[in-house]
PDB file of all heavy atoms in Angstrom:
ATOM      1  N   SER A   1     -11.419 -10.519 -15.616  1.00  0.00           N
ATOM      2  CA  SER A   1     -12.262 -11.423 -16.396  1.00  0.00           C
ATOM      3  C   SER A   1     -13.704 -10.924 -16.418  1.00  0.00           C
ATOM      4  O   SER A   1     -14.625 -11.658 -16.897  1.00  0.00           O
ATOM      5  CB  SER A   1     -12.218 -12.843 -15.906  1.00  0.00           C
ATOM      6  OG  SER A   1     -12.690 -12.963 -14.578  1.00  0.00           O
ATOM      7  N   GLY A   2     -13.986  -9.701 -15.917  1.00  0.00           N
ATOM      8  CA  GLY A   2     -15.302  -9.087 -16.052  1.00  0.00           C
ATOM      9  C   GLY A   2     -16.309  -9.415 -14.960  1.00  0.00           C
ATOM     10  O   GLY A   2     -17.441  -9.199 -15.094  1.00  0.00           O
ATOM     11  N   ARG A   3     -15.792 -10.006 -13.868  1.00  0.00           N
ATOM     12  CA  ARG A   3     -16.681 -10.392 -12.751  1.00  0.00           C
ATOM     13  C   ARG A   3     -17.129  -9.153 -11.967  1.00  0.00           C
ATOM     14  O   ARG A   3     -16.380  -8.229 -11.778  1.00  0.00           O
ATOM     15  CB  ARG A   3     -16.030 -11.378 -11.821  1.00  0.00           C
ATOM     16  CG  ARG A   3     -15.504 -12.628 -12.471  1.00  0.00           C
ATOM     17  CD  ARG A   3     -16.631 -13.533 -12.909  1.00  0.00           C
ATOM     18  NE  ARG A   3     -16.042 -14.764 -13.436  1.00  0.00           N
ATOM     19  CZ  ARG A   3     -16.627 -15.909 -13.258  1.00  0.00           C
ATOM     20  NH1 ARG A   3     -17.759 -16.061 -12.659  1.00  0.00           N
ATOM     21  NH2 ARG A   3     -16.054 -17.021 -13.779  1.00  0.00           N
ATOM     22  N   THR A   4     -18.368  -9.206 -11.462  1.00  0.00           N
ATOM     23  CA  THR A   4     -18.845  -8.125 -10.580  1.00  0.00           C
ATOM     24  C   THR A   4     -18.323  -8.404  -9.143  1.00  0.00           C
ATOM     25  O   THR A   4     -17.858  -9.482  -8.844  1.00  0.00           O
ATOM     26  CB  THR A   4     -20.391  -8.161 -10.543  1.00  0.00           C
ATOM     27  OG1 THR A   4     -20.845  -9.405  -9.943  1.00  0.00           O
ATOM     28  CG2 THR A   4     -20.967  -7.979 -11.933  1.00  0.00           C
ATOM     29  N   ASN A   5     -18.435  -7.412  -8.265  1.00  0.00           N
ATOM     30  CA  ASN A   5     -18.051  -7.565  -6.893  1.00  0.00           C
ATOM     31  C   ASN A   5     -18.805  -8.750  -6.272  1.00  0.00           C
ATOM     32  O   ASN A   5     -18.271  -9.529  -5.508  1.00  0.00           O
ATOM     33  CB  ASN A   5     -18.314  -6.338  -6.065  1.00  0.00           C
ATOM     34  CG  ASN A   5     -17.247  -5.259  -6.347  1.00  0.00           C
ATOM     35  OD1 ASN A   5     -16.293  -5.461  -7.087  1.00  0.00           O
ATOM     36  ND2 ASN A   5     -17.426  -4.090  -5.794  1.00  0.00           N
ATOM     37  N   LYS A   6     -20.115  -8.860  -6.600  1.00  0.00           N
ATOM     38  CA  LYS A   6     -20.954  -9.950  -6.053  1.00  0.00           C
ATOM     39  C   LYS A   6     -20.381 -11.297  -6.473  1.00  0.00           C
ATOM     40  O   LYS A   6     -20.276 -12.247  -5.686  1.00  0.00           O
ATOM     41  CB  LYS A   6     -22.378  -9.777  -6.461  1.00  0.00           C
ATOM     42  CG  LYS A   6     -23.315 -10.803  -5.834  1.00  0.00           C
ATOM     43  CD  LYS A   6     -24.793 -10.474  -6.165  1.00  0.00           C
ATOM     44  CE  LYS A   6     -25.636 -11.534  -5.451  1.00  0.00           C
ATOM     45  NZ  LYS A   6     -27.058 -11.171  -5.629  1.00  0.00           N
ATOM     46  N   GLU A   7     -20.050 -11.409  -7.747  1.00  0.00           N
ATOM     47  CA  GLU A   7     -19.483 -12.655  -8.247  1.00  0.00           C
ATOM     48  C   GLU A   7     -18.124 -12.987  -7.661  1.00  0.00           C
ATOM     49  O   GLU A   7     -17.866 -14.103  -7.264  1.00  0.00           O
ATOM     50  CB  GLU A   7     -19.403 -12.607  -9.788  1.00  0.00           C
ATOM     51  CG  GLU A   7     -20.714 -12.575 -10.530  1.00  0.00           C
ATOM     52  CD  GLU A   7     -20.572 -12.326 -12.007  1.00  0.00           C
ATOM     53  OE1 GLU A   7     -19.707 -11.566 -12.385  1.00  0.00           O
ATOM     54  OE2 GLU A   7     -21.404 -12.818 -12.751  1.00  0.00           O
ATOM     55  N   ILE A   8     -17.310 -11.942  -7.521  1.00  0.00           N
ATOM     56  CA  ILE A   8     -15.998 -12.128  -6.905  1.00  0.00           C
ATOM     57  C   ILE A   8     -16.175 -12.626  -5.494  1.00  0.00           C
ATOM     58  O   ILE A   8     -15.453 -13.546  -5.045  1.00  0.00           O
ATOM     59  CB  ILE A   8     -15.157 -10.834  -6.972  1.00  0.00           C
ATOM     60  CG1 ILE A   8     -14.795 -10.490  -8.430  1.00  0.00           C
ATOM     61  CG2 ILE A   8     -13.892 -10.927  -6.147  1.00  0.00           C
ATOM     62  CD1 ILE A   8     -14.228  -9.102  -8.630  1.00  0.00           C
ATOM     63  N   SER A   9     -17.085 -12.041  -4.767  1.00  0.00           N
ATOM     64  CA  SER A   9     -17.359 -12.407  -3.384  1.00  0.00           C
ATOM     65  C   SER A   9     -17.747 -13.839  -3.267  1.00  0.00           C
ATOM     66  O   SER A   9     -17.282 -14.568  -2.416  1.00  0.00           O
ATOM     67  CB  SER A   9     -18.511 -11.543  -2.813  1.00  0.00           C
ATOM     68  OG  SER A   9     -18.137 -10.212  -2.762  1.00  0.00           O
ATOM     69  N   GLN A  10     -18.665 -14.303  -4.185  1.00  0.00           N
ATOM     70  CA  GLN A  10     -19.064 -15.681  -4.134  1.00  0.00           C
ATOM     71  C   GLN A  10     -17.974 -16.627  -4.489  1.00  0.00           C
ATOM     72  O   GLN A  10     -17.821 -17.695  -3.796  1.00  0.00           O
ATOM     73  CB  GLN A  10     -20.284 -15.850  -5.119  1.00  0.00           C
ATOM     74  CG  GLN A  10     -21.530 -15.115  -4.682  1.00  0.00           C
ATOM     75  CD  GLN A  10     -22.631 -15.077  -5.718  1.00  0.00           C
ATOM     76  OE1 GLN A  10     -22.390 -15.308  -6.870  1.00  0.00           O
ATOM     77  NE2 GLN A  10     -23.824 -14.793  -5.267  1.00  0.00           N
ATOM     78  N   ILE A  11     -17.177 -16.335  -5.503  1.00  0.00           N
ATOM     79  CA  ILE A  11     -16.095 -17.227  -5.952  1.00  0.00           C
ATOM     80  C   ILE A  11     -15.046 -17.375  -4.889  1.00  0.00           C
ATOM     81  O   ILE A  11     -14.557 -18.464  -4.578  1.00  0.00           O
ATOM     82  CB  ILE A  11     -15.478 -16.719  -7.254  1.00  0.00           C
ATOM     83  CG1 ILE A  11     -16.491 -16.861  -8.402  1.00  0.00           C
ATOM     84  CG2 ILE A  11     -14.207 -17.458  -7.561  1.00  0.00           C
ATOM     85  CD1 ILE A  11     -16.165 -16.127  -9.637  1.00  0.00           C
ATOM     86  N   LEU A  12     -14.695 -16.233  -4.246  1.00  0.00           N
ATOM     87  CA  LEU A  12     -13.598 -16.234  -3.262  1.00  0.00           C
ATOM     88  C   LEU A  12     -14.104 -16.449  -1.807  1.00  0.00           C
ATOM     89  O   LEU A  12     -13.322 -16.479  -0.869  1.00  0.00           O
ATOM     90  CB  LEU A  12     -12.792 -14.953  -3.326  1.00  0.00           C
ATOM     91  CG  LEU A  12     -12.047 -14.706  -4.650  1.00  0.00           C
ATOM     92  CD1 LEU A  12     -11.271 -13.406  -4.611  1.00  0.00           C
ATOM     93  CD2 LEU A  12     -11.092 -15.857  -4.956  1.00  0.00           C
ATOM     94  N   GLN A  13     -15.444 -16.589  -1.713  1.00  0.00           N
ATOM     95  CA  GLN A  13     -16.062 -16.788  -0.367  1.00  0.00           C
ATOM     96  C   GLN A  13     -15.709 -15.675   0.593  1.00  0.00           C
ATOM     97  O   GLN A  13     -15.254 -15.877   1.718  1.00  0.00           O
ATOM     98  CB  GLN A  13     -15.743 -18.147   0.193  1.00  0.00           C
ATOM     99  CG  GLN A  13     -16.211 -19.291  -0.719  1.00  0.00           C
ATOM    100  CD  GLN A  13     -15.895 -20.661  -0.152  1.00  0.00           C
ATOM    101  OE1 GLN A  13     -15.028 -20.837   0.687  1.00  0.00           O
ATOM    102  NE2 GLN A  13     -16.634 -21.678  -0.631  1.00  0.00           N
ATOM    103  N   LEU A  14     -15.898 -14.414   0.105  1.00  0.00           N
ATOM    104  CA  LEU A  14     -15.737 -13.247   0.859  1.00  0.00           C
ATOM    105  C   LEU A  14     -17.009 -12.491   0.974  1.00  0.00           C
ATOM    106  O   LEU A  14     -17.921 -12.657   0.155  1.00  0.00           O
ATOM    107  CB  LEU A  14     -14.729 -12.304   0.185  1.00  0.00           C
ATOM    108  CG  LEU A  14     -13.348 -12.830  -0.162  1.00  0.00           C
ATOM    109  CD1 LEU A  14     -12.583 -11.871  -1.006  1.00  0.00           C
ATOM    110  CD2 LEU A  14     -12.590 -13.066   1.159  1.00  0.00           C
ATOM    111  N   SER A  15     -17.151 -11.573   1.961  1.00  0.00           N
ATOM    112  CA  SER A  15     -18.301 -10.692   2.004  1.00  0.00           C
ATOM    113  C   SER A  15     -18.133  -9.646   0.873  1.00  0.00           C
ATOM    114  O   SER A  15     -16.959  -9.444   0.401  1.00  0.00           O
ATOM    115  CB  SER A  15     -18.379  -9.986   3.360  1.00  0.00           C
ATOM    116  OG  SER A  15     -17.392  -8.991   3.477  1.00  0.00           O
ATOM    117  N   GLU A  16     -19.256  -9.116   0.426  1.00  0.00           N
ATOM    118  CA  GLU A  16     -19.129  -8.075  -0.600  1.00  0.00           C
ATOM    119  C   GLU A  16     -18.375  -6.906  -0.068  1.00  0.00           C
ATOM    120  O   GLU A  16     -17.621  -6.229  -0.882  1.00  0.00           O
ATOM    121  CB  GLU A  16     -20.540  -7.670  -1.088  1.00  0.00           C
ATOM    122  CG  GLU A  16     -21.134  -8.724  -2.003  1.00  0.00           C
ATOM    123  CD  GLU A  16     -22.415  -8.208  -2.739  1.00  0.00           C
ATOM    124  OE1 GLU A  16     -22.308  -7.224  -3.458  1.00  0.00           O
ATOM    125  OE2 GLU A  16     -23.450  -8.791  -2.507  1.00  0.00           O
ATOM    126  N   GLU A  17     -18.483  -6.556   1.175  1.00  0.00           N
ATOM    127  CA  GLU A  17     -17.773  -5.439   1.797  1.00  0.00           C
ATOM    128  C   GLU A  17     -16.230  -5.708   1.656  1.00  0.00           C
ATOM    129  O   GLU A  17     -15.460  -4.818   1.320  1.00  0.00           O
ATOM    130  CB  GLU A  17     -18.197  -5.181   3.221  1.00  0.00           C
ATOM    131  CG  GLU A  17     -17.633  -3.901   3.780  1.00  0.00           C
ATOM    132  CD  GLU A  17     -18.074  -2.623   3.044  1.00  0.00           C
ATOM    133  OE1 GLU A  17     -19.208  -2.598   2.544  1.00  0.00           O
ATOM    134  OE2 GLU A  17     -17.280  -1.680   3.007  1.00  0.00           O
ATOM    135  N   THR A  18     -15.820  -6.918   2.022  1.00  0.00           N
ATOM    136  CA  THR A  18     -14.361  -7.237   1.916  1.00  0.00           C
ATOM    137  C   THR A  18     -13.917  -7.171   0.479  1.00  0.00           C
ATOM    138  O   THR A  18     -12.817  -6.683   0.189  1.00  0.00           O
ATOM    139  CB  THR A  18     -14.170  -8.670   2.504  1.00  0.00           C
ATOM    140  OG1 THR A  18     -14.503  -8.617   3.941  1.00  0.00           O
ATOM    141  CG2 THR A  18     -12.683  -9.067   2.374  1.00  0.00           C
ATOM    142  N   THR A  19     -14.704  -7.639  -0.431  1.00  0.00           N
ATOM    143  CA  THR A  19     -14.366  -7.525  -1.857  1.00  0.00           C
ATOM    144  C   THR A  19     -14.226  -6.097  -2.270  1.00  0.00           C
ATOM    145  O   THR A  19     -13.231  -5.747  -2.954  1.00  0.00           O
ATOM    146  CB  THR A  19     -15.423  -8.251  -2.720  1.00  0.00           C
ATOM    147  OG1 THR A  19     -15.478  -9.615  -2.391  1.00  0.00           O
ATOM    148  CG2 THR A  19     -15.118  -8.100  -4.215  1.00  0.00           C
ATOM    149  N   LYS A  20     -15.167  -5.241  -1.847  1.00  0.00           N
ATOM    150  CA  LYS A  20     -15.059  -3.826  -2.166  1.00  0.00           C
ATOM    151  C   LYS A  20     -13.796  -3.231  -1.607  1.00  0.00           C
ATOM    152  O   LYS A  20     -13.125  -2.421  -2.244  1.00  0.00           O
ATOM    153  CB  LYS A  20     -16.267  -3.074  -1.637  1.00  0.00           C
ATOM    154  CG  LYS A  20     -17.587  -3.321  -2.378  1.00  0.00           C
ATOM    155  CD  LYS A  20     -18.697  -2.600  -1.709  1.00  0.00           C
ATOM    156  CE  LYS A  20     -20.029  -3.015  -2.361  1.00  0.00           C
ATOM    157  NZ  LYS A  20     -21.175  -2.377  -1.712  1.00  0.00           N
ATOM    158  N   ASN A  21     -13.417  -3.630  -0.398  1.00  0.00           N
ATOM    159  CA  ASN A  21     -12.142  -3.178   0.188  1.00  0.00           C
ATOM    160  C   ASN A  21     -10.980  -3.561  -0.631  1.00  0.00           C
ATOM    161  O   ASN A  21     -10.008  -2.774  -0.839  1.00  0.00           O
ATOM    162  CB  ASN A  21     -12.042  -3.632   1.652  1.00  0.00           C
ATOM    163  CG  ASN A  21     -12.986  -2.971   2.567  1.00  0.00           C
ATOM    164  OD1 ASN A  21     -13.500  -1.901   2.308  1.00  0.00           O
ATOM    165  ND2 ASN A  21     -13.270  -3.659   3.681  1.00  0.00           N
ATOM    166  N   HIS A  22     -10.930  -4.797  -1.103  1.00  0.00           N
ATOM    167  CA  HIS A  22      -9.832  -5.264  -1.947  1.00  0.00           C
ATOM    168  C   HIS A  22      -9.797  -4.484  -3.250  1.00  0.00           C
ATOM    169  O   HIS A  22      -8.717  -4.083  -3.716  1.00  0.00           O
ATOM    170  CB  HIS A  22      -9.928  -6.771  -2.238  1.00  0.00           C
ATOM    171  CG  HIS A  22      -9.554  -7.630  -1.067  1.00  0.00           C
ATOM    172  ND1 HIS A  22      -8.383  -7.483  -0.360  1.00  0.00           N
ATOM    173  CD2 HIS A  22     -10.239  -8.592  -0.490  1.00  0.00           C
ATOM    174  CE1 HIS A  22      -8.317  -8.365   0.638  1.00  0.00           C
ATOM    175  NE2 HIS A  22      -9.446  -9.064   0.582  1.00  0.00           N
ATOM    176  N   VAL A  23     -10.948  -4.238  -3.907  1.00  0.00           N
ATOM    177  CA  VAL A  23     -10.986  -3.511  -5.145  1.00  0.00           C
ATOM    178  C   VAL A  23     -10.464  -2.060  -4.869  1.00  0.00           C
ATOM    179  O   VAL A  23      -9.618  -1.549  -5.649  1.00  0.00           O
ATOM    180  CB  VAL A  23     -12.397  -3.472  -5.747  1.00  0.00           C
ATOM    181  CG1 VAL A  23     -12.504  -2.516  -6.927  1.00  0.00           C
ATOM    182  CG2 VAL A  23     -12.808  -4.890  -6.181  1.00  0.00           C
ATOM    183  N   SER A  24     -10.919  -1.456  -3.791  1.00  0.00           N
ATOM    184  CA  SER A  24     -10.443  -0.092  -3.445  1.00  0.00           C
ATOM    185  C   SER A  24      -8.906  -0.087  -3.255  1.00  0.00           C
ATOM    186  O   SER A  24      -8.208   0.843  -3.659  1.00  0.00           O
ATOM    187  CB  SER A  24     -11.097   0.381  -2.161  1.00  0.00           C
ATOM    188  OG  SER A  24     -12.482   0.586  -2.405  1.00  0.00           O
ATOM    189  N   GLY A  25      -8.342  -1.113  -2.616  1.00  0.00           N
ATOM    190  CA  GLY A  25      -6.930  -1.214  -2.417  1.00  0.00           C
ATOM    191  C   GLY A  25      -6.187  -1.338  -3.740  1.00  0.00           C
ATOM    192  O   GLY A  25      -5.123  -0.703  -3.903  1.00  0.00           O
ATOM    193  N   ILE A  26      -6.751  -2.072  -4.670  1.00  0.00           N
ATOM    194  CA  ILE A  26      -6.150  -2.196  -6.019  1.00  0.00           C
ATOM    195  C   ILE A  26      -6.180  -0.853  -6.673  1.00  0.00           C
ATOM    196  O   ILE A  26      -5.181  -0.424  -7.261  1.00  0.00           O
ATOM    197  CB  ILE A  26      -6.928  -3.231  -6.855  1.00  0.00           C
ATOM    198  CG1 ILE A  26      -6.680  -4.668  -6.270  1.00  0.00           C
ATOM    199  CG2 ILE A  26      -6.516  -3.194  -8.322  1.00  0.00           C
ATOM    200  CD1 ILE A  26      -7.707  -5.701  -6.765  1.00  0.00           C
ATOM    201  N   LEU A  27      -7.292  -0.138  -6.624  1.00  0.00           N
ATOM    202  CA  LEU A  27      -7.376   1.172  -7.273  1.00  0.00           C
ATOM    203  C   LEU A  27      -6.380   2.132  -6.697  1.00  0.00           C
ATOM    204  O   LEU A  27      -5.680   2.882  -7.416  1.00  0.00           O
ATOM    205  CB  LEU A  27      -8.805   1.746  -7.132  1.00  0.00           C
ATOM    206  CG  LEU A  27      -9.939   0.986  -7.782  1.00  0.00           C
ATOM    207  CD1 LEU A  27     -11.289   1.709  -7.533  1.00  0.00           C
ATOM    208  CD2 LEU A  27      -9.711   0.735  -9.280  1.00  0.00           C
ATOM    209  N   ARG A  28      -6.264   2.125  -5.380  1.00  0.00           N
ATOM    210  CA  ARG A  28      -5.241   2.979  -4.687  1.00  0.00           C
ATOM    211  C   ARG A  28      -3.822   2.646  -5.135  1.00  0.00           C
ATOM    212  O   ARG A  28      -3.002   3.495  -5.494  1.00  0.00           O
ATOM    213  CB  ARG A  28      -5.337   2.870  -3.171  1.00  0.00           C
ATOM    214  CG  ARG A  28      -6.350   3.824  -2.513  1.00  0.00           C
ATOM    215  CD  ARG A  28      -6.119   3.826  -0.997  1.00  0.00           C
ATOM    216  NE  ARG A  28      -6.145   2.545  -0.418  1.00  0.00           N
ATOM    217  CZ  ARG A  28      -7.145   1.810  -0.048  1.00  0.00           C
ATOM    218  NH1 ARG A  28      -8.437   2.309  -0.307  1.00  0.00           N
ATOM    219  NH2 ARG A  28      -7.058   0.665   0.520  1.00  0.00           N
ATOM    220  N   ASN A  29      -3.531   1.359  -5.138  1.00  0.00           N
ATOM    221  CA  ASN A  29      -2.209   0.866  -5.497  1.00  0.00           C
ATOM    222  C   ASN A  29      -1.899   1.282  -6.922  1.00  0.00           C
ATOM    223  O   ASN A  29      -0.750   1.666  -7.208  1.00  0.00           O
ATOM    224  CB  ASN A  29      -2.098  -0.660  -5.356  1.00  0.00           C
ATOM    225  CG  ASN A  29      -0.718  -1.215  -5.652  1.00  0.00           C
ATOM    226  OD1 ASN A  29      -0.301  -1.221  -6.766  1.00  0.00           O
ATOM    227  ND2 ASN A  29      -0.044  -1.623  -4.589  1.00  0.00           N
ATOM    228  N   PHE A  30      -2.844   1.179  -7.830  1.00  0.00           N
ATOM    229  CA  PHE A  30      -2.640   1.552  -9.210  1.00  0.00           C
ATOM    230  C   PHE A  30      -2.784   3.026  -9.444  1.00  0.00           C
ATOM    231  O   PHE A  30      -2.557   3.501 -10.633  1.00  0.00           O
ATOM    232  CB  PHE A  30      -3.663   0.798 -10.110  1.00  0.00           C
ATOM    233  CG  PHE A  30      -3.348  -0.687 -10.311  1.00  0.00           C
ATOM    234  CD1 PHE A  30      -2.302  -1.320  -9.674  1.00  0.00           C
ATOM    235  CD2 PHE A  30      -4.138  -1.424 -11.133  1.00  0.00           C
ATOM    236  CE1 PHE A  30      -2.013  -2.649  -9.891  1.00  0.00           C
ATOM    237  CE2 PHE A  30      -3.918  -2.781 -11.378  1.00  0.00           C
ATOM    238  CZ  PHE A  30      -2.824  -3.402 -10.727  1.00  0.00           C
ATOM    239  N   ARG A  31      -3.198   3.745  -8.456  1.00  0.00           N
ATOM    240  CA  ARG A  31      -3.397   5.211  -8.582  1.00  0.00           C
ATOM    241  C   ARG A  31      -4.372   5.572  -9.661  1.00  0.00           C
ATOM    242  O   ARG A  31      -4.086   6.460 -10.499  1.00  0.00           O
ATOM    243  CB  ARG A  31      -2.014   5.917  -8.756  1.00  0.00           C
ATOM    244  CG  ARG A  31      -1.098   5.717  -7.585  1.00  0.00           C
ATOM    245  CD  ARG A  31       0.192   6.416  -7.778  1.00  0.00           C
ATOM    246  NE  ARG A  31       1.062   6.174  -6.629  1.00  0.00           N
ATOM    247  CZ  ARG A  31       2.374   6.317  -6.656  1.00  0.00           C
ATOM    248  NH1 ARG A  31       2.991   6.661  -7.729  1.00  0.00           N
ATOM    249  NH2 ARG A  31       3.051   6.032  -5.543  1.00  0.00           N
ATOM    250  N   VAL A  32      -5.504   4.889  -9.659  1.00  0.00           N
ATOM    251  CA  VAL A  32      -6.575   5.142 -10.582  1.00  0.00           C
ATOM    252  C   VAL A  32      -7.903   5.243  -9.792  1.00  0.00           C
ATOM    253  O   VAL A  32      -7.950   4.925  -8.586  1.00  0.00           O
ATOM    254  CB  VAL A  32      -6.705   4.008 -11.684  1.00  0.00           C
ATOM    255  CG1 VAL A  32      -5.432   3.930 -12.479  1.00  0.00           C
ATOM    256  CG2 VAL A  32      -7.011   2.663 -11.016  1.00  0.00           C
ATOM    257  N   GLN A  33      -8.954   5.686 -10.501  1.00  0.00           N
ATOM    258  CA  GLN A  33     -10.209   5.884  -9.819  1.00  0.00           C
ATOM    259  C   GLN A  33     -11.328   4.961 -10.253  1.00  0.00           C
ATOM    260  O   GLN A  33     -12.327   4.797  -9.505  1.00  0.00           O
ATOM    261  CB  GLN A  33     -10.681   7.318 -10.078  1.00  0.00           C
ATOM    262  CG  GLN A  33      -9.757   8.342  -9.443  1.00  0.00           C
ATOM    263  CD  GLN A  33     -10.235   9.776  -9.682  1.00  0.00           C
ATOM    264  OE1 GLN A  33     -11.063  10.051 -10.530  1.00  0.00           O
ATOM    265  NE2 GLN A  33      -9.706  10.698  -8.941  1.00  0.00           N
ATOM    266  N   THR A  34     -11.199   4.284 -11.343  1.00  0.00           N
ATOM    267  CA  THR A  34     -12.269   3.398 -11.831  1.00  0.00           C
ATOM    268  C   THR A  34     -11.723   1.966 -12.119  1.00  0.00           C
ATOM    269  O   THR A  34     -10.536   1.763 -12.376  1.00  0.00           O
ATOM    270  CB  THR A  34     -12.926   3.929 -13.104  1.00  0.00           C
ATOM    271  OG1 THR A  34     -11.989   3.864 -14.191  1.00  0.00           O
ATOM    272  CG2 THR A  34     -13.393   5.351 -12.932  1.00  0.00           C
ATOM    273  N   ARG A  35     -12.685   1.045 -12.195  1.00  0.00           N
ATOM    274  CA  ARG A  35     -12.320  -0.348 -12.541  1.00  0.00           C
ATOM    275  C   ARG A  35     -11.718  -0.369 -13.964  1.00  0.00           C
ATOM    276  O   ARG A  35     -10.712  -1.118 -14.218  1.00  0.00           O
ATOM    277  CB  ARG A  35     -13.537  -1.247 -12.462  1.00  0.00           C
ATOM    278  CG  ARG A  35     -14.065  -1.432 -11.013  1.00  0.00           C
ATOM    279  CD  ARG A  35     -15.443  -2.000 -11.027  1.00  0.00           C
ATOM    280  NE  ARG A  35     -15.459  -3.457 -11.326  1.00  0.00           N
ATOM    281  CZ  ARG A  35     -15.617  -4.416 -10.470  1.00  0.00           C
ATOM    282  NH1 ARG A  35     -15.801  -4.115  -9.202  1.00  0.00           N
ATOM    283  NH2 ARG A  35     -15.632  -5.693 -10.866  1.00  0.00           N
ATOM    284  N   SER A  36     -12.318   0.422 -14.903  1.00  0.00           N
ATOM    285  CA  SER A  36     -11.809   0.411 -16.214  1.00  0.00           C
ATOM    286  C   SER A  36     -10.342   0.883 -16.281  1.00  0.00           C
ATOM    287  O   SER A  36      -9.521   0.299 -17.010  1.00  0.00           O
ATOM    288  CB  SER A  36     -12.670   1.330 -17.109  1.00  0.00           C
ATOM    289  OG  SER A  36     -13.976   0.814 -17.242  1.00  0.00           O
ATOM    290  N   GLN A  37     -10.063   1.932 -15.541  1.00  0.00           N
ATOM    291  CA  GLN A  37      -8.683   2.434 -15.496  1.00  0.00           C
ATOM    292  C   GLN A  37      -7.778   1.363 -14.868  1.00  0.00           C
ATOM    293  O   GLN A  37      -6.596   1.235 -15.303  1.00  0.00           O
ATOM    294  CB  GLN A  37      -8.601   3.751 -14.652  1.00  0.00           C
ATOM    295  CG  GLN A  37      -9.252   4.901 -15.366  1.00  0.00           C
ATOM    296  CD  GLN A  37      -9.354   6.104 -14.450  1.00  0.00           C
ATOM    297  OE1 GLN A  37      -9.448   5.996 -13.218  1.00  0.00           O
ATOM    298  NE2 GLN A  37      -9.416   7.278 -15.017  1.00  0.00           N
ATOM    299  N   ALA A  38      -8.299   0.632 -13.858  1.00  0.00           N
ATOM    300  CA  ALA A  38      -7.515  -0.401 -13.210  1.00  0.00           C
ATOM    301  C   ALA A  38      -7.139  -1.545 -14.209  1.00  0.00           C
ATOM    302  O   ALA A  38      -6.054  -2.053 -14.220  1.00  0.00           O
ATOM    303  CB  ALA A  38      -8.241  -0.969 -12.020  1.00  0.00           C
ATOM    304  N   ILE A  39      -8.108  -1.841 -15.056  1.00  0.00           N
ATOM    305  CA  ILE A  39      -7.857  -2.889 -16.064  1.00  0.00           C
ATOM    306  C   ILE A  39      -6.792  -2.451 -17.045  1.00  0.00           C
ATOM    307  O   ILE A  39      -5.850  -3.254 -17.367  1.00  0.00           O
ATOM    308  CB  ILE A  39      -9.171  -3.221 -16.813  1.00  0.00           C
ATOM    309  CG1 ILE A  39     -10.142  -3.955 -15.860  1.00  0.00           C
ATOM    310  CG2 ILE A  39      -8.913  -4.003 -18.088  1.00  0.00           C
ATOM    311  CD1 ILE A  39     -11.564  -4.061 -16.359  1.00  0.00           C
ATOM    312  N   ILE A  40      -6.824  -1.231 -17.445  1.00  0.00           N
ATOM    313  CA  ILE A  40      -5.769  -0.660 -18.360  1.00  0.00           C
ATOM    314  C   ILE A  40      -4.435  -0.729 -17.612  1.00  0.00           C
ATOM    315  O   ILE A  40      -3.390  -1.138 -18.189  1.00  0.00           O
ATOM    316  CB  ILE A  40      -6.133   0.725 -18.781  1.00  0.00           C
ATOM    317  CG1 ILE A  40      -7.358   0.678 -19.725  1.00  0.00           C
ATOM    318  CG2 ILE A  40      -4.940   1.415 -19.501  1.00  0.00           C
ATOM    319  CD1 ILE A  40      -7.991   2.036 -19.987  1.00  0.00           C
ATOM    320  N   GLU A  41      -4.384  -0.224 -16.382  1.00  0.00           N
ATOM    321  CA  GLU A  41      -3.156  -0.203 -15.649  1.00  0.00           C
ATOM    322  C   GLU A  41      -2.615  -1.610 -15.389  1.00  0.00           C
ATOM    323  O   GLU A  41      -1.441  -1.836 -15.442  1.00  0.00           O
ATOM    324  CB  GLU A  41      -3.313   0.555 -14.275  1.00  0.00           C
ATOM    325  CG  GLU A  41      -2.102   0.747 -13.490  1.00  0.00           C
ATOM    326  CD  GLU A  41      -0.990   1.518 -14.147  1.00  0.00           C
ATOM    327  OE1 GLU A  41      -1.278   2.335 -15.083  1.00  0.00           O
ATOM    328  OE2 GLU A  41       0.184   1.381 -13.764  1.00  0.00           O
ATOM    329  N   ALA A  42      -3.504  -2.541 -15.141  1.00  0.00           N
ATOM    330  CA  ALA A  42      -3.059  -3.909 -14.911  1.00  0.00           C
ATOM    331  C   ALA A  42      -2.345  -4.444 -16.112  1.00  0.00           C
ATOM    332  O   ALA A  42      -1.282  -5.112 -16.012  1.00  0.00           O
ATOM    333  CB  ALA A  42      -4.275  -4.801 -14.575  1.00  0.00           C
TER     334      ALA A  42
END
């Protein structure tokens, strides 16, 4: 939905570092390198 890591952190009540870790996990799972590629793969 276009949210930044900071916004995701605030909405889910996570630290920004934890959010970054989740985004990295998604990228690894999807075997992509960027958020844009992750959106396409999703």
